[in-house]
PDB file of N, CA and C in Angstrom:
ATOM      1  N   UNK A   1      20.912 -17.608 -28.011  1.00  0.00           N
ATOM      2  CA  UNK A   1      19.762 -17.838 -27.163  1.00  0.00           C
ATOM      3  C   UNK A   1      19.431 -19.323 -27.142  1.00  0.00           C
ATOM      4  N   UNK A   2      19.159 -19.846 -25.974  1.00  0.00           N
ATOM      5  CA  UNK A   2      18.836 -21.251 -25.789  1.00  0.00           C
ATOM      6  C   UNK A   2      17.379 -21.503 -26.166  1.00  0.00           C
ATOM      7  N   UNK A   3      17.144 -22.451 -27.068  1.00  0.00           N
ATOM      8  CA  UNK A   3      15.773 -22.786 -27.459  1.00  0.00           C
ATOM      9  C   UNK A   3      15.034 -23.393 -26.281  1.00  0.00           C
ATOM     10  N   UNK A   4      13.698 -23.257 -26.306  1.00  0.00           N
ATOM     11  CA  UNK A   4      12.875 -23.814 -25.240  1.00  0.00           C
ATOM     12  C   UNK A   4      11.944 -24.869 -25.801  1.00  0.00           C
ATOM     13  N   UNK A   5      11.586 -25.801 -24.925  1.00  0.00           N
ATOM     14  CA  UNK A   5      10.711 -26.900 -25.300  1.00  0.00           C
ATOM     15  C   UNK A   5       9.638 -27.096 -24.238  1.00  0.00           C
ATOM     16  N   UNK A   6       8.465 -27.506 -24.683  1.00  0.00           N
ATOM     17  CA  UNK A   6       7.382 -27.839 -23.773  1.00  0.00           C
ATOM     18  C   UNK A   6       7.406 -29.344 -23.569  1.00  0.00           C
ATOM     19  N   UNK A   7       7.590 -29.769 -22.343  1.00  0.00           N
ATOM     20  CA  UNK A   7       7.553 -31.192 -22.034  1.00  0.00           C
ATOM     21  C   UNK A   7       6.257 -31.473 -21.285  1.00  0.00           C
ATOM     22  N   UNK A   8       5.567 -32.498 -21.740  1.00  0.00           N
ATOM     23  CA  UNK A   8       4.309 -32.926 -21.129  1.00  0.00           C
ATOM     24  C   UNK A   8       4.514 -34.313 -20.554  1.00  0.00           C
ATOM     25  N   UNK A   9       4.143 -34.482 -19.292  1.00  0.00           N
ATOM     26  CA  UNK A   9       4.173 -35.786 -18.627  1.00  0.00           C
ATOM     27  C   UNK A   9       2.739 -36.175 -18.307  1.00  0.00           C
ATOM     28  N   UNK A  10       2.380 -37.417 -18.557  1.00  0.00           N
ATOM     29  CA  UNK A  10       1.065 -37.929 -18.189  1.00  0.00           C
ATOM     30  C   UNK A  10       1.294 -39.128 -17.278  1.00  0.00           C
ATOM     31  N   UNK A  11       0.697 -39.048 -16.073  1.00  0.00           N
ATOM     32  CA  UNK A  11       0.941 -40.069 -15.052  1.00  0.00           C
ATOM     33  C   UNK A  11      -0.362 -40.429 -14.347  1.00  0.00           C
ATOM     34  N   UNK A  12      -0.291 -41.487 -13.590  1.00  0.00           N
ATOM     35  CA  UNK A  12      -1.401 -41.900 -12.740  1.00  0.00           C
ATOM     36  C   UNK A  12      -1.626 -40.832 -11.673  1.00  0.00           C
ATOM     37  N   UNK A  13      -2.881 -40.470 -11.382  1.00  0.00           N
ATOM     38  CA  UNK A  13      -3.142 -39.444 -10.362  1.00  0.00           C
ATOM     39  C   UNK A  13      -2.552 -39.775  -8.989  1.00  0.00           C
ATOM     40  N   UNK A  14      -2.353 -41.038  -8.688  1.00  0.00           N
ATOM     41  CA  UNK A  14      -1.768 -41.428  -7.402  1.00  0.00           C
ATOM     42  C   UNK A  14      -0.334 -40.929  -7.265  1.00  0.00           C
ATOM     43  N   UNK A  15       0.297 -40.564  -8.379  1.00  0.00           N
ATOM     44  CA  UNK A  15       1.683 -40.091  -8.352  1.00  0.00           C
ATOM     45  C   UNK A  15       1.776 -38.577  -8.198  1.00  0.00           C
ATOM     46  N   UNK A  16       0.661 -37.896  -8.023  1.00  0.00           N
ATOM     47  CA  UNK A  16       0.660 -36.433  -8.023  1.00  0.00           C
ATOM     48  C   UNK A  16       1.626 -35.834  -7.004  1.00  0.00           C
ATOM     49  N   UNK A  17       1.507 -36.192  -5.751  1.00  0.00           N
ATOM     50  CA  UNK A  17       2.346 -35.575  -4.716  1.00  0.00           C
ATOM     51  C   UNK A  17       3.823 -35.901  -4.910  1.00  0.00           C
ATOM     52  N   UNK A  18       4.102 -37.126  -5.295  1.00  0.00           N
ATOM     53  CA  UNK A  18       5.501 -37.527  -5.503  1.00  0.00           C
ATOM     54  C   UNK A  18       6.119 -36.725  -6.647  1.00  0.00           C
ATOM     55  N   UNK A  19       5.376 -36.586  -7.754  1.00  0.00           N
ATOM     56  CA  UNK A  19       5.913 -35.842  -8.889  1.00  0.00           C
ATOM     57  C   UNK A  19       6.006 -34.348  -8.598  1.00  0.00           C
ATOM     58  N   UNK A  20       5.024 -33.787  -7.910  1.00  0.00           N
ATOM     59  CA  UNK A  20       5.095 -32.372  -7.534  1.00  0.00           C
ATOM     60  C   UNK A  20       6.322 -32.137  -6.662  1.00  0.00           C
ATOM     61  N   UNK A  21       6.500 -32.970  -5.648  1.00  0.00           N
ATOM     62  CA  UNK A  21       7.672 -32.829  -4.774  1.00  0.00           C
ATOM     63  C   UNK A  21       8.970 -32.972  -5.557  1.00  0.00           C
ATOM     64  N   UNK A  22       9.013 -33.941  -6.457  1.00  0.00           N
ATOM     65  CA  UNK A  22      10.210 -34.187  -7.264  1.00  0.00           C
ATOM     66  C   UNK A  22      10.531 -32.965  -8.117  1.00  0.00           C
ATOM     67  N   UNK A  23       9.524 -32.426  -8.793  1.00  0.00           N
ATOM     68  CA  UNK A  23       9.747 -31.270  -9.657  1.00  0.00           C
ATOM     69  C   UNK A  23      10.162 -30.028  -8.861  1.00  0.00           C
ATOM     70  N   UNK A  24       9.542 -29.829  -7.714  1.00  0.00           N
ATOM     71  CA  UNK A  24       9.889 -28.666  -6.898  1.00  0.00           C
ATOM     72  C   UNK A  24      11.279 -28.769  -6.289  1.00  0.00           C
ATOM     73  N   UNK A  25      11.685 -29.963  -5.922  1.00  0.00           N
ATOM     74  CA  UNK A  25      12.984 -30.126  -5.264  1.00  0.00           C
ATOM     75  C   UNK A  25      14.125 -30.375  -6.244  1.00  0.00           C
ATOM     76  N   UNK A  26      13.809 -30.743  -7.479  1.00  0.00           N
ATOM     77  CA  UNK A  26      14.861 -31.075  -8.436  1.00  0.00           C
ATOM     78  C   UNK A  26      15.632 -29.857  -8.919  1.00  0.00           C
ATOM     79  N   UNK A  27      15.007 -28.698  -8.858  1.00  0.00           N
ATOM     80  CA  UNK A  27      15.660 -27.497  -9.362  1.00  0.00           C
ATOM     81  C   UNK A  27      15.726 -27.428 -10.871  1.00  0.00           C
ATOM     82  N   UNK A  28      15.113 -28.388 -11.545  1.00  0.00           N
ATOM     83  CA  UNK A  28      15.166 -28.426 -13.005  1.00  0.00           C
ATOM     84  C   UNK A  28      14.115 -27.535 -13.644  1.00  0.00           C
ATOM     85  N   UNK A  29      13.017 -27.310 -12.945  1.00  0.00           N
ATOM     86  CA  UNK A  29      11.954 -26.469 -13.485  1.00  0.00           C
ATOM     87  C   UNK A  29      11.394 -25.609 -12.363  1.00  0.00           C
ATOM     88  N   UNK A  30      11.315 -24.321 -12.607  1.00  0.00           N
ATOM     89  CA  UNK A  30      10.782 -23.429 -11.586  1.00  0.00           C
ATOM     90  C   UNK A  30       9.265 -23.341 -11.672  1.00  0.00           C
ATOM     91  N   UNK A  31       8.733 -23.431 -12.865  1.00  0.00           N
ATOM     92  CA  UNK A  31       7.300 -23.299 -13.081  1.00  0.00           C
ATOM     93  C   UNK A  31       6.784 -24.510 -13.851  1.00  0.00           C
ATOM     94  N   UNK A  32       5.663 -25.023 -13.396  1.00  0.00           N
ATOM     95  CA  UNK A  32       4.990 -26.091 -14.129  1.00  0.00           C
ATOM     96  C   UNK A  32       3.521 -26.049 -13.780  1.00  0.00           C
ATOM     97  N   UNK A  33       2.721 -26.676 -14.617  1.00  0.00           N
ATOM     98  CA  UNK A  33       1.287 -26.742 -14.364  1.00  0.00           C
ATOM     99  C   UNK A  33       0.872 -28.200 -14.261  1.00  0.00           C
ATOM    100  N   UNK A  34      -0.212 -28.413 -13.541  1.00  0.00           N
ATOM    101  CA  UNK A  34      -0.799 -29.750 -13.462  1.00  0.00           C
ATOM    102  C   UNK A  34      -2.278 -29.635 -13.800  1.00  0.00           C
ATOM    103  N   UNK A  35      -2.813 -30.682 -14.377  1.00  0.00           N
ATOM    104  CA  UNK A  35      -4.247 -30.724 -14.640  1.00  0.00           C
ATOM    105  C   UNK A  35      -4.701 -32.180 -14.624  1.00  0.00           C
ATOM    106  N   UNK A  36      -5.898 -32.370 -14.133  1.00  0.00           N
ATOM    107  CA  UNK A  36      -6.502 -33.696 -14.134  1.00  0.00           C
ATOM    108  C   UNK A  36      -7.194 -33.876 -15.478  1.00  0.00           C
ATOM    109  N   UNK A  37      -6.895 -34.987 -16.116  1.00  0.00           N
ATOM    110  CA  UNK A  37      -7.399 -35.248 -17.464  1.00  0.00           C
ATOM    111  C   UNK A  37      -7.938 -36.668 -17.537  1.00  0.00           C
ATOM    112  N   UNK A  38      -8.565 -36.982 -18.649  1.00  0.00           N
ATOM    113  CA  UNK A  38      -8.983 -38.344 -18.955  1.00  0.00           C
ATOM    114  C   UNK A  38      -8.236 -38.813 -20.190  1.00  0.00           C
ATOM    115  N   UNK A  39      -7.689 -40.009 -20.119  1.00  0.00           N
ATOM    116  CA  UNK A  39      -7.040 -40.618 -21.265  1.00  0.00           C
ATOM    117  C   UNK A  39      -8.011 -41.587 -21.925  1.00  0.00           C
ATOM    118  N   UNK A  40      -7.944 -41.658 -23.233  1.00  0.00           N
ATOM    119  CA  UNK A  40      -8.812 -42.552 -24.003  1.00  0.00           C
ATOM    120  C   UNK A  40      -7.933 -43.422 -24.887  1.00  0.00           C
ATOM    121  N   UNK A  41      -8.265 -44.694 -24.984  1.00  0.00           N
ATOM    122  CA  UNK A  41      -7.450 -45.606 -25.782  1.00  0.00           C
ATOM    123  C   UNK A  41      -8.280 -46.795 -26.231  1.00  0.00           C
ATOM    124  N   UNK A  42      -7.925 -47.325 -27.374  1.00  0.00           N
ATOM    125  CA  UNK A  42      -8.574 -48.546 -27.845  1.00  0.00           C
ATOM    126  C   UNK A  42      -7.865 -49.786 -27.299  1.00  0.00           C
ATOM    127  N   UNK A  43      -6.746 -49.584 -26.599  1.00  0.00           N
ATOM    128  CA  UNK A  43      -6.013 -50.687 -25.978  1.00  0.00           C
ATOM    129  C   UNK A  43      -6.487 -50.814 -24.534  1.00  0.00           C
ATOM    130  N   UNK A  44      -7.158 -51.908 -24.228  1.00  0.00           N
ATOM    131  CA  UNK A  44      -7.823 -52.054 -22.937  1.00  0.00           C
ATOM    132  C   UNK A  44      -7.045 -52.872 -21.907  1.00  0.00           C
ATOM    133  N   UNK A  45      -5.870 -53.380 -22.243  1.00  0.00           N
ATOM    134  CA  UNK A  45      -5.162 -54.267 -21.333  1.00  0.00           C
ATOM    135  C   UNK A  45      -4.742 -53.590 -20.031  1.00  0.00           C
ATOM    136  N   UNK A  46      -4.569 -52.281 -20.018  1.00  0.00           N
ATOM    137  CA  UNK A  46      -4.152 -51.575 -18.806  1.00  0.00           C
ATOM    138  C   UNK A  46      -5.296 -50.837 -18.127  1.00  0.00           C
ATOM    139  N   UNK A  47      -6.523 -51.113 -18.539  1.00  0.00           N
ATOM    140  CA  UNK A  47      -7.685 -50.447 -17.977  1.00  0.00           C
ATOM    141  C   UNK A  47      -8.446 -51.366 -17.032  1.00  0.00           C
ATOM    142  N   UNK A  48      -8.984 -50.774 -15.963  1.00  0.00           N
ATOM    143  CA  UNK A  48      -9.853 -51.550 -15.072  1.00  0.00           C
ATOM    144  C   UNK A  48     -11.166 -51.815 -15.797  1.00  0.00           C
ATOM    145  N   UNK A  49     -11.984 -52.671 -15.238  1.00  0.00           N
ATOM    146  CA  UNK A  49     -13.283 -52.976 -15.853  1.00  0.00           C
ATOM    147  C   UNK A  49     -14.132 -51.714 -15.942  1.00  0.00           C
ATOM    148  N   UNK A  50     -14.147 -50.909 -14.877  1.00  0.00           N
ATOM    149  CA  UNK A  50     -14.915 -49.656 -14.888  1.00  0.00           C
ATOM    150  C   UNK A  50     -14.402 -48.704 -15.967  1.00  0.00           C
ATOM    151  N   UNK A  51     -13.091 -48.630 -16.134  1.00  0.00           N
ATOM    152  CA  UNK A  51     -12.507 -47.763 -17.155  1.00  0.00           C
ATOM    153  C   UNK A  51     -12.854 -48.261 -18.550  1.00  0.00           C
ATOM    154  N   UNK A  52     -12.893 -49.576 -18.724  1.00  0.00           N
ATOM    155  CA  UNK A  52     -13.278 -50.136 -20.015  1.00  0.00           C
ATOM    156  C   UNK A  52     -14.728 -49.788 -20.348  1.00  0.00           C
ATOM    157  N   UNK A  53     -15.600 -49.821 -19.355  1.00  0.00           N
ATOM    158  CA  UNK A  53     -17.017 -49.517 -19.568  1.00  0.00           C
ATOM    159  C   UNK A  53     -17.203 -48.039 -19.925  1.00  0.00           C
ATOM    160  N   UNK A  54     -16.532 -47.154 -19.185  1.00  0.00           N
ATOM    161  CA  UNK A  54     -16.698 -45.723 -19.439  1.00  0.00           C
ATOM    162  C   UNK A  54     -15.869 -45.228 -20.617  1.00  0.00           C
ATOM    163  N   UNK A  55     -14.858 -45.984 -21.001  1.00  0.00           N
ATOM    164  CA  UNK A  55     -14.013 -45.604 -22.132  1.00  0.00           C
ATOM    165  C   UNK A  55     -13.000 -44.528 -21.809  1.00  0.00           C
ATOM    166  N   UNK A  56     -12.700 -44.353 -20.543  1.00  0.00           N
ATOM    167  CA  UNK A  56     -11.707 -43.343 -20.164  1.00  0.00           C
ATOM    168  C   UNK A  56     -10.998 -43.729 -18.876  1.00  0.00           C
ATOM    169  N   UNK A  57      -9.813 -43.150 -18.729  1.00  0.00           N
ATOM    170  CA  UNK A  57      -8.985 -43.412 -17.556  1.00  0.00           C
ATOM    171  C   UNK A  57      -8.541 -42.078 -16.979  1.00  0.00           C
ATOM    172  N   UNK A  58      -8.706 -41.913 -15.667  1.00  0.00           N
ATOM    173  CA  UNK A  58      -8.239 -40.685 -15.012  1.00  0.00           C
ATOM    174  C   UNK A  58      -6.719 -40.645 -15.049  1.00  0.00           C
ATOM    175  N   UNK A  59      -6.189 -39.480 -15.408  1.00  0.00           N
ATOM    176  CA  UNK A  59      -4.751 -39.293 -15.452  1.00  0.00           C
ATOM    177  C   UNK A  59      -4.414 -37.877 -15.013  1.00  0.00           C
ATOM    178  N   UNK A  60      -3.144 -37.622 -14.837  1.00  0.00           N
ATOM    179  CA  UNK A  60      -2.659 -36.320 -14.407  1.00  0.00           C
ATOM    180  C   UNK A  60      -1.625 -35.836 -15.414  1.00  0.00           C
ATOM    181  N   UNK A  61      -1.770 -34.576 -15.845  1.00  0.00           N
ATOM    182  CA  UNK A  61      -0.839 -34.014 -16.827  1.00  0.00           C
ATOM    183  C   UNK A  61       0.000 -32.919 -16.171  1.00  0.00           C
ATOM    184  N   UNK A  62       1.298 -33.001 -16.375  1.00  0.00           N
ATOM    185  CA  UNK A  62       2.245 -31.969 -15.960  1.00  0.00           C
ATOM    186  C   UNK A  62       2.803 -31.344 -17.225  1.00  0.00           C
ATOM    187  N   UNK A  63       2.927 -30.023 -17.241  1.00  0.00           N
ATOM    188  CA  UNK A  63       3.555 -29.351 -18.376  1.00  0.00           C
ATOM    189  C   UNK A  63       4.532 -28.314 -17.859  1.00  0.00           C
ATOM    190  N   UNK A  64       5.677 -28.228 -18.531  1.00  0.00           N
ATOM    191  CA  UNK A  64       6.676 -27.244 -18.159  1.00  0.00           C
ATOM    192  C   UNK A  64       7.488 -26.852 -19.382  1.00  0.00           C
ATOM    193  N   UNK A  65       7.935 -25.617 -19.378  1.00  0.00           N
ATOM    194  CA  UNK A  65       8.775 -25.104 -20.441  1.00  0.00           C
ATOM    195  C   UNK A  65      10.220 -25.172 -19.957  1.00  0.00           C
ATOM    196  N   UNK A  66      11.060 -25.857 -20.731  1.00  0.00           N
ATOM    197  CA  UNK A  66      12.457 -26.045 -20.333  1.00  0.00           C
ATOM    198  C   UNK A  66      13.403 -25.574 -21.423  1.00  0.00           C
ATOM    199  N   UNK A  67      14.532 -25.059 -21.002  1.00  0.00           N
ATOM    200  CA  UNK A  67      15.589 -24.748 -21.959  1.00  0.00           C
ATOM    201  C   UNK A  67      16.169 -26.048 -22.493  1.00  0.00           C
ATOM    202  N   UNK A  68      16.596 -25.997 -23.730  1.00  0.00           N
ATOM    203  CA  UNK A  68      17.146 -27.185 -24.388  1.00  0.00           C
ATOM    204  C   UNK A  68      18.274 -27.811 -23.575  1.00  0.00           C
ATOM    205  N   UNK A  69      19.074 -26.986 -22.922  1.00  0.00           N
ATOM    206  CA  UNK A  69      20.222 -27.484 -22.158  1.00  0.00           C
ATOM    207  C   UNK A  69      19.798 -28.337 -20.958  1.00  0.00           C
ATOM    208  N   UNK A  70      18.579 -28.187 -20.478  1.00  0.00           N
ATOM    209  CA  UNK A  70      18.105 -28.959 -19.322  1.00  0.00           C
ATOM    210  C   UNK A  70      17.311 -30.201 -19.716  1.00  0.00           C
ATOM    211  N   UNK A  71      16.905 -30.281 -20.962  1.00  0.00           N
ATOM    212  CA  UNK A  71      16.003 -31.330 -21.417  1.00  0.00           C
ATOM    213  C   UNK A  71      16.558 -32.739 -21.207  1.00  0.00           C
ATOM    214  N   UNK A  72      17.774 -32.978 -21.629  1.00  0.00           N
ATOM    215  CA  UNK A  72      18.370 -34.308 -21.502  1.00  0.00           C
ATOM    216  C   UNK A  72      18.499 -34.729 -20.045  1.00  0.00           C
ATOM    217  N   UNK A  73      18.952 -33.823 -19.199  1.00  0.00           N
ATOM    218  CA  UNK A  73      19.133 -34.190 -17.793  1.00  0.00           C
ATOM    219  C   UNK A  73      17.789 -34.459 -17.111  1.00  0.00           C
ATOM    220  N   UNK A  74      16.750 -33.724 -17.470  1.00  0.00           N
ATOM    221  CA  UNK A  74      15.427 -33.980 -16.889  1.00  0.00           C
ATOM    222  C   UNK A  74      14.933 -35.365 -17.291  1.00  0.00           C
ATOM    223  N   UNK A  75      15.055 -35.694 -18.562  1.00  0.00           N
ATOM    224  CA  UNK A  75      14.616 -37.013 -19.025  1.00  0.00           C
ATOM    225  C   UNK A  75      15.419 -38.136 -18.382  1.00  0.00           C
ATOM    226  N   UNK A  76      16.718 -37.967 -18.294  1.00  0.00           N
ATOM    227  CA  UNK A  76      17.558 -38.989 -17.663  1.00  0.00           C
ATOM    228  C   UNK A  76      17.189 -39.173 -16.197  1.00  0.00           C
ATOM    229  N   UNK A  77      16.965 -38.072 -15.495  1.00  0.00           N
ATOM    230  CA  UNK A  77      16.611 -38.152 -14.076  1.00  0.00           C
ATOM    231  C   UNK A  77      15.230 -38.780 -13.880  1.00  0.00           C
ATOM    232  N   UNK A  78      14.283 -38.443 -14.756  1.00  0.00           N
ATOM    233  CA  UNK A  78      12.960 -39.069 -14.699  1.00  0.00           C
ATOM    234  C   UNK A  78      13.070 -40.579 -14.901  1.00  0.00           C
ATOM    235  N   UNK A  79      13.862 -40.974 -15.890  1.00  0.00           N
ATOM    236  CA  UNK A  79      14.016 -42.404 -16.174  1.00  0.00           C
ATOM    237  C   UNK A  79      14.691 -43.133 -15.018  1.00  0.00           C
ATOM    238  N   UNK A  80      15.579 -42.474 -14.323  1.00  0.00           N
ATOM    239  CA  UNK A  80      16.244 -43.073 -13.162  1.00  0.00           C
ATOM    240  C   UNK A  80      15.302 -43.156 -11.966  1.00  0.00           C
ATOM    241  N   UNK A  81      14.647 -42.052 -11.661  1.00  0.00           N
ATOM    242  CA  UNK A  81      13.834 -41.973 -10.444  1.00  0.00           C
ATOM    243  C   UNK A  81      12.455 -42.601 -10.571  1.00  0.00           C
ATOM    244  N   UNK A  82      11.944 -42.734 -11.796  1.00  0.00           N
ATOM    245  CA  UNK A  82      10.571 -43.242 -11.977  1.00  0.00           C
ATOM    246  C   UNK A  82      10.496 -44.405 -12.957  1.00  0.00           C
ATOM    247  N   UNK A  83      11.567 -45.171 -13.047  1.00  0.00           N
ATOM    248  CA  UNK A  83      11.599 -46.322 -13.953  1.00  0.00           C
ATOM    249  C   UNK A  83      10.433 -47.263 -13.648  1.00  0.00           C
ATOM    250  N   UNK A  84       9.712 -47.666 -14.693  1.00  0.00           N
ATOM    251  CA  UNK A  84       8.607 -48.606 -14.541  1.00  0.00           C
ATOM    252  C   UNK A  84       7.303 -47.993 -14.055  1.00  0.00           C
ATOM    253  N   UNK A  85       7.238 -46.673 -13.956  1.00  0.00           N
ATOM    254  CA  UNK A  85       6.032 -46.034 -13.419  1.00  0.00           C
ATOM    255  C   UNK A  85       5.014 -45.669 -14.503  1.00  0.00           C
ATOM    256  N   UNK A  86       5.298 -46.004 -15.741  1.00  0.00           N
ATOM    257  CA  UNK A  86       4.378 -45.763 -16.870  1.00  0.00           C
ATOM    258  C   UNK A  86       4.049 -44.286 -17.069  1.00  0.00           C
ATOM    259  N   UNK A  87       5.017 -43.418 -16.847  1.00  0.00           N
ATOM    260  CA  UNK A  87       4.827 -42.004 -17.167  1.00  0.00           C
ATOM    261  C   UNK A  87       5.038 -41.841 -18.671  1.00  0.00           C
ATOM    262  N   UNK A  88       4.037 -41.302 -19.322  1.00  0.00           N
ATOM    263  CA  UNK A  88       4.119 -41.044 -20.762  1.00  0.00           C
ATOM    264  C   UNK A  88       4.575 -39.597 -20.938  1.00  0.00           C
ATOM    265  N   UNK A  89       5.440 -39.325 -21.896  1.00  0.00           N
ATOM    266  CA  UNK A  89       5.892 -37.954 -22.108  1.00  0.00           C
ATOM    267  C   UNK A  89       5.999 -37.651 -23.584  1.00  0.00           C
ATOM    268  N   UNK A  90       5.921 -36.375 -23.902  1.00  0.00           N
ATOM    269  CA  UNK A  90       6.249 -35.896 -25.232  1.00  0.00           C
ATOM    270  C   UNK A  90       6.820 -34.489 -25.113  1.00  0.00           C
ATOM    271  N   UNK A  91       7.552 -34.095 -26.150  1.00  0.00           N
ATOM    272  CA  UNK A  91       8.282 -32.832 -26.139  1.00  0.00           C
ATOM    273  C   UNK A  91       7.987 -32.094 -27.441  1.00  0.00           C
ATOM    274  N   UNK A  92       7.671 -30.799 -27.316  1.00  0.00           N
ATOM    275  CA  UNK A  92       7.397 -29.954 -28.473  1.00  0.00           C
ATOM    276  C   UNK A  92       8.243 -28.690 -28.396  1.00  0.00           C
ATOM    277  N   UNK A  93       8.724 -28.201 -29.534  1.00  0.00           N
ATOM    278  CA  UNK A  93       9.454 -26.928 -29.511  1.00  0.00           C
ATOM    279  C   UNK A  93       8.494 -25.780 -29.185  1.00  0.00           C
ATOM    280  N   UNK A  94       8.986 -24.780 -28.488  1.00  0.00           N
ATOM    281  CA  UNK A  94       8.194 -23.594 -28.135  1.00  0.00           C
ATOM    282  C   UNK A  94       8.594 -22.468 -29.076  1.00  0.00           C
ATOM    283  N   UNK A  95       7.616 -21.944 -29.817  1.00  0.00           N
ATOM    284  CA  UNK A  95       7.891 -20.857 -30.759  1.00  0.00           C
ATOM    285  C   UNK A  95       8.127 -19.542 -30.030  1.00  0.00           C
ATOM    286  N   UNK A  96       7.409 -19.339 -28.934  1.00  0.00           N
ATOM    287  CA  UNK A  96       7.546 -18.112 -28.162  1.00  0.00           C
ATOM    288  C   UNK A  96       7.057 -18.361 -26.756  1.00  0.00           C
ATOM    289  N   UNK A  97       7.556 -17.576 -25.806  1.00  0.00           N
ATOM    290  CA  UNK A  97       7.163 -17.753 -24.400  1.00  0.00           C
ATOM    291  C   UNK A  97       7.411 -16.436 -23.698  1.00  0.00           C
ATOM    292  N   UNK A  98       6.479 -16.053 -22.829  1.00  0.00           N
ATOM    293  CA  UNK A  98       6.662 -14.810 -22.100  1.00  0.00           C
ATOM    294  C   UNK A  98       5.468 -14.497 -21.216  1.00  0.00           C
ATOM    295  N   UNK A  99       5.456 -13.294 -20.687  1.00  0.00           N
ATOM    296  CA  UNK A  99       4.380 -12.826 -19.789  1.00  0.00           C
ATOM    297  C   UNK A  99       3.777 -11.562 -20.388  1.00  0.00           C
ATOM    298  N   UNK A 100       2.496 -11.381 -20.198  1.00  0.00           N
ATOM    299  CA  UNK A 100       1.808 -10.153 -20.651  1.00  0.00           C
ATOM    300  C   UNK A 100       1.116  -9.537 -19.456  1.00  0.00           C
TER     301      UNK A 100
END
C-alpha cells in the first residue's frame, strides 16, 4: 500500500485562481481544500505598513492528500511553474484517510 501525505501550501491570495486552475488541470490531485487564513510573523520585511500595524497578513492555504509516489513530481512541478512566488509548503504523513 502506498503511504499518503498531507501537503499544505500557503500563498498570496492573489494567486488563488492560478493555483486552483493549476491543481485542477495538473491531474496530480483530484481533491483539495482552500481556506483564507492570516499569517503572523515577527519578521516584518515582507509586510506592508498596514500588515505591520495589525500584526497579520492575509494568505491562502491549500491542502491535499497525496500518495507518496506523486509527492516528488508535485513538488518539482510547483518549483518549476511557480519559482519565486513565495509559496510556503510543508508535508506531514497521514495516519489514516477515508470517508464516513
